[in-house]
């Protein structure tokens, strides 16, 4: 069982990089979350150092 707030399929945004657009979580391994962002592509985010905001589908 993972204690991560994130799971594949969720939509997120990086508050410090709004230019990246909305991203979809691809995988989660510990604090490492791979996200495919609209305008930045697939990036590995360390959630121990970066706070991602969850976005519900209606907020897209």
PDB file of N, CA and C in Angstrom:
ATOM      1  N   UNK A   1       0.843  -1.192   0.000  1.00  0.00           N
ATOM      2  CA  UNK A   1       0.000   0.000   0.000  1.00  0.00           C
ATOM      3  C   UNK A   1       0.882   1.247   0.000  1.00  0.00           C
ATOM      4  N   UNK A   2       0.545   2.195  -0.874  1.00  0.00           N
ATOM      5  CA  UNK A   2       1.325   3.426  -0.992  1.00  0.00           C
ATOM      6  C   UNK A   2       0.735   4.496  -0.088  1.00  0.00           C
ATOM      7  N   UNK A   3       1.583   5.331   0.484  1.00  0.00           N
ATOM      8  CA  UNK A   3       1.085   6.443   1.282  1.00  0.00           C
ATOM      9  C   UNK A   3       1.129   7.744   0.476  1.00  0.00           C
ATOM     10  N   UNK A   4       1.294   7.648  -0.831  1.00  0.00           N
ATOM     11  CA  UNK A   4       1.313   8.813  -1.703  1.00  0.00           C
ATOM     12  C   UNK A   4      -0.102   9.344  -1.877  1.00  0.00           C
ATOM     13  N   UNK A   5      -0.198  10.659  -2.071  1.00  0.00           N
ATOM     14  CA  UNK A   5      -1.484  11.283  -2.361  1.00  0.00           C
ATOM     15  C   UNK A   5      -1.871  11.090  -3.817  1.00  0.00           C
ATOM     16  N   UNK A   6      -0.940  10.651  -4.630  1.00  0.00           N
ATOM     17  CA  UNK A   6      -1.153  10.588  -6.067  1.00  0.00           C
ATOM     18  C   UNK A   6      -1.266   9.160  -6.561  1.00  0.00           C
ATOM     19  N   UNK A   7      -2.029   8.995  -7.631  1.00  0.00           N
ATOM     20  CA  UNK A   7      -2.138   7.695  -8.285  1.00  0.00           C
ATOM     21  C   UNK A   7      -2.302   7.931  -9.777  1.00  0.00           C
ATOM     22  N   UNK A   8      -1.890   6.967 -10.583  1.00  0.00           N
ATOM     23  CA  UNK A   8      -1.981   7.120 -12.033  1.00  0.00           C
ATOM     24  C   UNK A   8      -3.399   7.483 -12.483  1.00  0.00           C
ATOM     25  N   UNK A   9      -3.460   8.399 -13.446  1.00  0.00           N
ATOM     26  CA  UNK A   9      -4.737   8.838 -13.994  1.00  0.00           C
ATOM     27  C   UNK A   9      -5.216  10.164 -13.444  1.00  0.00           C
ATOM     28  N   UNK A  10      -4.701  10.554 -12.279  1.00  0.00           N
ATOM     29  CA  UNK A  10      -5.121  11.831 -11.701  1.00  0.00           C
ATOM     30  C   UNK A  10      -4.543  12.985 -12.504  1.00  0.00           C
ATOM     31  N   UNK A  11      -5.245  14.124 -12.443  1.00  0.00           N
ATOM     32  CA  UNK A  11      -4.772  15.336 -13.093  1.00  0.00           C
ATOM     33  C   UNK A  11      -4.198  16.277 -12.039  1.00  0.00           C
ATOM     34  N   UNK A  12      -3.069  16.894 -12.367  1.00  0.00           N
ATOM     35  CA  UNK A  12      -2.372  17.782 -11.431  1.00  0.00           C
ATOM     36  C   UNK A  12      -1.872  19.016 -12.166  1.00  0.00           C
ATOM     37  N   UNK A  13      -1.464  19.993 -11.363  1.00  0.00           N
ATOM     38  CA  UNK A  13      -0.777  21.155 -11.912  1.00  0.00           C
ATOM     39  C   UNK A  13       0.384  21.472 -10.989  1.00  0.00           C
ATOM     40  N   UNK A  14       1.444  22.038 -11.557  1.00  0.00           N
ATOM     41  CA  UNK A  14       2.611  22.459 -10.787  1.00  0.00           C
ATOM     42  C   UNK A  14       2.429  23.952 -10.523  1.00  0.00           C
ATOM     43  N   UNK A  15       2.208  24.340  -9.261  1.00  0.00           N
ATOM     44  CA  UNK A  15       1.896  25.743  -8.961  1.00  0.00           C
ATOM     45  C   UNK A  15       3.008  26.723  -9.345  1.00  0.00           C
ATOM     46  N   UNK A  16       4.243  26.252  -9.367  1.00  0.00           N
ATOM     47  CA  UNK A  16       5.355  27.126  -9.729  1.00  0.00           C
ATOM     48  C   UNK A  16       5.589  27.226 -11.228  1.00  0.00           C
ATOM     49  N   UNK A  17       4.915  26.375 -12.008  1.00  0.00           N
ATOM     50  CA  UNK A  17       5.111  26.343 -13.456  1.00  0.00           C
ATOM     51  C   UNK A  17       3.760  26.273 -14.183  1.00  0.00           C
ATOM     52  N   UNK A  18       2.933  27.303 -14.055  1.00  0.00           N
ATOM     53  CA  UNK A  18       1.623  27.266 -14.705  1.00  0.00           C
ATOM     54  C   UNK A  18       1.717  27.127 -16.223  1.00  0.00           C
ATOM     55  N   UNK A  19       2.860  27.518 -16.789  1.00  0.00           N
ATOM     56  CA  UNK A  19       3.066  27.402 -18.237  1.00  0.00           C
ATOM     57  C   UNK A  19       3.126  25.945 -18.700  1.00  0.00           C
ATOM     58  N   UNK A  20       3.325  25.006 -17.779  1.00  0.00           N
ATOM     59  CA  UNK A  20       3.356  23.584 -18.139  1.00  0.00           C
ATOM     60  C   UNK A  20       1.955  23.059 -18.434  1.00  0.00           C
ATOM     61  N   UNK A  21       0.925  23.736 -17.946  1.00  0.00           N
ATOM     62  CA  UNK A  21      -0.451  23.291 -18.142  1.00  0.00           C
ATOM     63  C   UNK A  21      -0.816  22.171 -17.180  1.00  0.00           C
ATOM     64  N   UNK A  22      -1.920  21.507 -17.477  1.00  0.00           N
ATOM     65  CA  UNK A  22      -2.406  20.394 -16.664  1.00  0.00           C
ATOM     66  C   UNK A  22      -1.617  19.148 -17.031  1.00  0.00           C
ATOM     67  N   UNK A  23      -1.299  18.352 -16.021  1.00  0.00           N
ATOM     68  CA  UNK A  23      -0.588  17.105 -16.262  1.00  0.00           C
ATOM     69  C   UNK A  23      -1.380  15.920 -15.761  1.00  0.00           C
ATOM     70  N   UNK A  24      -1.137  14.763 -16.352  1.00  0.00           N
ATOM     71  CA  UNK A  24      -1.770  13.530 -15.884  1.00  0.00           C
ATOM     72  C   UNK A  24      -0.702  12.621 -15.299  1.00  0.00           C
ATOM     73  N   UNK A  25      -0.955  12.145 -14.081  1.00  0.00           N
ATOM     74  CA  UNK A  25      -0.014  11.264 -13.399  1.00  0.00           C
ATOM     75  C   UNK A  25       0.086   9.954 -14.175  1.00  0.00           C
ATOM     76  N   UNK A  26       1.332   9.556 -14.487  1.00  0.00           N
ATOM     77  CA  UNK A  26       1.586   8.323 -15.222  1.00  0.00           C
ATOM     78  C   UNK A  26       1.977   7.184 -14.280  1.00  0.00           C
ATOM     79  N   UNK A  27       2.821   7.490 -13.293  1.00  0.00           N
ATOM     80  CA  UNK A  27       3.258   6.471 -12.337  1.00  0.00           C
ATOM     81  C   UNK A  27       3.716   7.142 -11.052  1.00  0.00           C
ATOM     82  N   UNK A  28       3.711   6.348  -9.977  1.00  0.00           N
ATOM     83  CA  UNK A  28       4.123   6.835  -8.656  1.00  0.00           C
ATOM     84  C   UNK A  28       5.007   5.780  -8.026  1.00  0.00           C
ATOM     85  N   UNK A  29       6.235   6.182  -7.636  1.00  0.00           N
ATOM     86  CA  UNK A  29       7.156   5.300  -6.918  1.00  0.00           C
ATOM     87  C   UNK A  29       7.704   6.113  -5.756  1.00  0.00           C
ATOM     88  N   UNK A  30       7.144   5.882  -4.568  1.00  0.00           N
ATOM     89  CA  UNK A  30       7.560   6.659  -3.405  1.00  0.00           C
ATOM     90  C   UNK A  30       7.229   8.127  -3.604  1.00  0.00           C
ATOM     91  N   UNK A  31       8.243   8.991  -3.453  1.00  0.00           N
ATOM     92  CA  UNK A  31       8.066  10.430  -3.633  1.00  0.00           C
ATOM     93  C   UNK A  31       8.197  10.855  -5.087  1.00  0.00           C
ATOM     94  N   UNK A  32       8.486   9.904  -5.972  1.00  0.00           N
ATOM     95  CA  UNK A  32       8.704  10.245  -7.385  1.00  0.00           C
ATOM     96  C   UNK A  32       7.447   9.991  -8.195  1.00  0.00           C
ATOM     97  N   UNK A  33       6.939  11.066  -8.785  1.00  0.00           N
ATOM     98  CA  UNK A  33       5.707  11.007  -9.559  1.00  0.00           C
ATOM     99  C   UNK A  33       6.032  11.417 -10.997  1.00  0.00           C
ATOM    100  N   UNK A  34       5.750  10.545 -11.946  1.00  0.00           N
ATOM    101  CA  UNK A  34       5.940  10.871 -13.355  1.00  0.00           C
ATOM    102  C   UNK A  34       4.627  11.456 -13.868  1.00  0.00           C
ATOM    103  N   UNK A  35       4.732  12.666 -14.442  1.00  0.00           N
ATOM    104  CA  UNK A  35       3.555  13.392 -14.906  1.00  0.00           C
ATOM    105  C   UNK A  35       3.759  13.783 -16.362  1.00  0.00           C
ATOM    106  N   UNK A  36       2.726  13.595 -17.174  1.00  0.00           N
ATOM    107  CA  UNK A  36       2.762  14.019 -18.564  1.00  0.00           C
ATOM    108  C   UNK A  36       1.995  15.339 -18.662  1.00  0.00           C
ATOM    109  N   UNK A  37       2.743  16.458 -18.760  1.00  0.00           N
ATOM    110  CA  UNK A  37       2.149  17.794 -18.817  1.00  0.00           C
ATOM    111  C   UNK A  37       1.813  18.191 -20.252  1.00  0.00           C
ATOM    112  N   UNK A  38       0.740  18.979 -20.401  1.00  0.00           N
ATOM    113  CA  UNK A  38       0.274  19.425 -21.714  1.00  0.00           C
ATOM    114  C   UNK A  38       1.367  20.120 -22.523  1.00  0.00           C
ATOM    115  N   UNK A  39       2.114  21.020 -21.878  1.00  0.00           N
ATOM    116  CA  UNK A  39       3.062  21.859 -22.608  1.00  0.00           C
ATOM    117  C   UNK A  39       4.524  21.595 -22.262  1.00  0.00           C
ATOM    118  N   UNK A  40       4.784  20.600 -21.404  1.00  0.00           N
ATOM    119  CA  UNK A  40       6.166  20.318 -21.013  1.00  0.00           C
ATOM    120  C   UNK A  40       6.541  18.860 -21.225  1.00  0.00           C
ATOM    121  N   UNK A  41       5.557  18.032 -21.573  1.00  0.00           N
ATOM    122  CA  UNK A  41       5.840  16.619 -21.784  1.00  0.00           C
ATOM    123  C   UNK A  41       5.946  15.856 -20.475  1.00  0.00           C
ATOM    124  N   UNK A  42       6.582  14.705 -20.538  1.00  0.00           N
ATOM    125  CA  UNK A  42       6.684  13.797 -19.392  1.00  0.00           C
ATOM    126  C   UNK A  42       7.847  14.214 -18.501  1.00  0.00           C
ATOM    127  N   UNK A  43       7.551  14.472 -17.230  1.00  0.00           N
ATOM    128  CA  UNK A  43       8.565  14.916 -16.270  1.00  0.00           C
ATOM    129  C   UNK A  43       8.466  14.105 -14.987  1.00  0.00           C
ATOM    130  N   UNK A  44       9.605  13.888 -14.352  1.00  0.00           N
ATOM    131  CA  UNK A  44       9.665  13.205 -13.063  1.00  0.00           C
ATOM    132  C   UNK A  44       9.718  14.273 -11.971  1.00  0.00           C
ATOM    133  N   UNK A  45       8.728  14.258 -11.098  1.00  0.00           N
ATOM    134  CA  UNK A  45       8.612  15.253 -10.034  1.00  0.00           C
ATOM    135  C   UNK A  45       8.851  14.565  -8.695  1.00  0.00           C
ATOM    136  N   UNK A  46       9.742  15.136  -7.883  1.00  0.00           N
ATOM    137  CA  UNK A  46       9.980  14.632  -6.531  1.00  0.00           C
ATOM    138  C   UNK A  46       9.057  15.394  -5.584  1.00  0.00           C
ATOM    139  N   UNK A  47       8.013  14.724  -5.102  1.00  0.00           N
ATOM    140  CA  UNK A  47       7.022  15.405  -4.270  1.00  0.00           C
ATOM    141  C   UNK A  47       7.513  15.677  -2.850  1.00  0.00           C
ATOM    142  N   UNK A  48       8.707  15.213  -2.518  1.00  0.00           N
ATOM    143  CA  UNK A  48       9.306  15.584  -1.238  1.00  0.00           C
ATOM    144  C   UNK A  48       9.797  17.034  -1.291  1.00  0.00           C
ATOM    145  N   UNK A  49      10.011  17.546  -2.517  1.00  0.00           N
ATOM    146  CA  UNK A  49      10.536  18.901  -2.693  1.00  0.00           C
ATOM    147  C   UNK A  49       9.591  19.820  -3.445  1.00  0.00           C
ATOM    148  N   UNK A  50       8.565  19.267  -4.074  1.00  0.00           N
ATOM    149  CA  UNK A  50       7.639  20.042  -4.894  1.00  0.00           C
ATOM    150  C   UNK A  50       6.213  19.633  -4.563  1.00  0.00           C
ATOM    151  N   UNK A  51       5.353  20.622  -4.354  1.00  0.00           N
ATOM    152  CA  UNK A  51       3.949  20.351  -4.072  1.00  0.00           C
ATOM    153  C   UNK A  51       3.171  20.439  -5.379  1.00  0.00           C
ATOM    154  N   UNK A  52       2.533  19.342  -5.752  1.00  0.00           N
ATOM    155  CA  UNK A  52       1.646  19.348  -6.914  1.00  0.00           C
ATOM    156  C   UNK A  52       0.222  19.539  -6.421  1.00  0.00           C
ATOM    157  N   UNK A  53      -0.576  20.259  -7.201  1.00  0.00           N
ATOM    158  CA  UNK A  53      -1.978  20.476  -6.847  1.00  0.00           C
ATOM    159  C   UNK A  53      -2.848  19.517  -7.647  1.00  0.00           C
ATOM    160  N   UNK A  54      -3.736  18.823  -6.963  1.00  0.00           N
ATOM    161  CA  UNK A  54      -4.692  17.959  -7.655  1.00  0.00           C
ATOM    162  C   UNK A  54      -5.719  18.831  -8.370  1.00  0.00           C
ATOM    163  N   UNK A  55      -6.107  18.416  -9.559  1.00  0.00           N
ATOM    164  CA  UNK A  55      -7.097  19.125 -10.351  1.00  0.00           C
ATOM    165  C   UNK A  55      -8.200  18.124 -10.675  1.00  0.00           C
ATOM    166  N   UNK A  56      -9.443  18.468 -10.326  1.00  0.00           N
ATOM    167  CA  UNK A  56     -10.512  17.545 -10.696  1.00  0.00           C
ATOM    168  C   UNK A  56     -10.842  17.752 -12.169  1.00  0.00           C
ATOM    169  N   UNK A  57     -11.463  16.757 -12.781  1.00  0.00           N
ATOM    170  CA  UNK A  57     -11.716  16.818 -14.215  1.00  0.00           C
ATOM    171  C   UNK A  57     -12.622  17.975 -14.589  1.00  0.00           C
ATOM    172  N   UNK A  58     -13.510  18.378 -13.700  1.00  0.00           N
ATOM    173  CA  UNK A  58     -14.398  19.509 -13.978  1.00  0.00           C
ATOM    174  C   UNK A  58     -13.606  20.817 -14.031  1.00  0.00           C
ATOM    175  N   UNK A  59     -12.467  20.858 -13.306  1.00  0.00           N
ATOM    176  CA  UNK A  59     -11.635  22.051 -13.267  1.00  0.00           C
ATOM    177  C   UNK A  59     -10.714  22.202 -14.464  1.00  0.00           C
ATOM    178  N   UNK A  60     -10.732  21.217 -15.326  1.00  0.00           N
ATOM    179  CA  UNK A  60      -9.887  21.271 -16.504  1.00  0.00           C
ATOM    180  C   UNK A  60     -10.432  22.306 -17.398  1.00  0.00           C
TER     181      UNK A  60
END
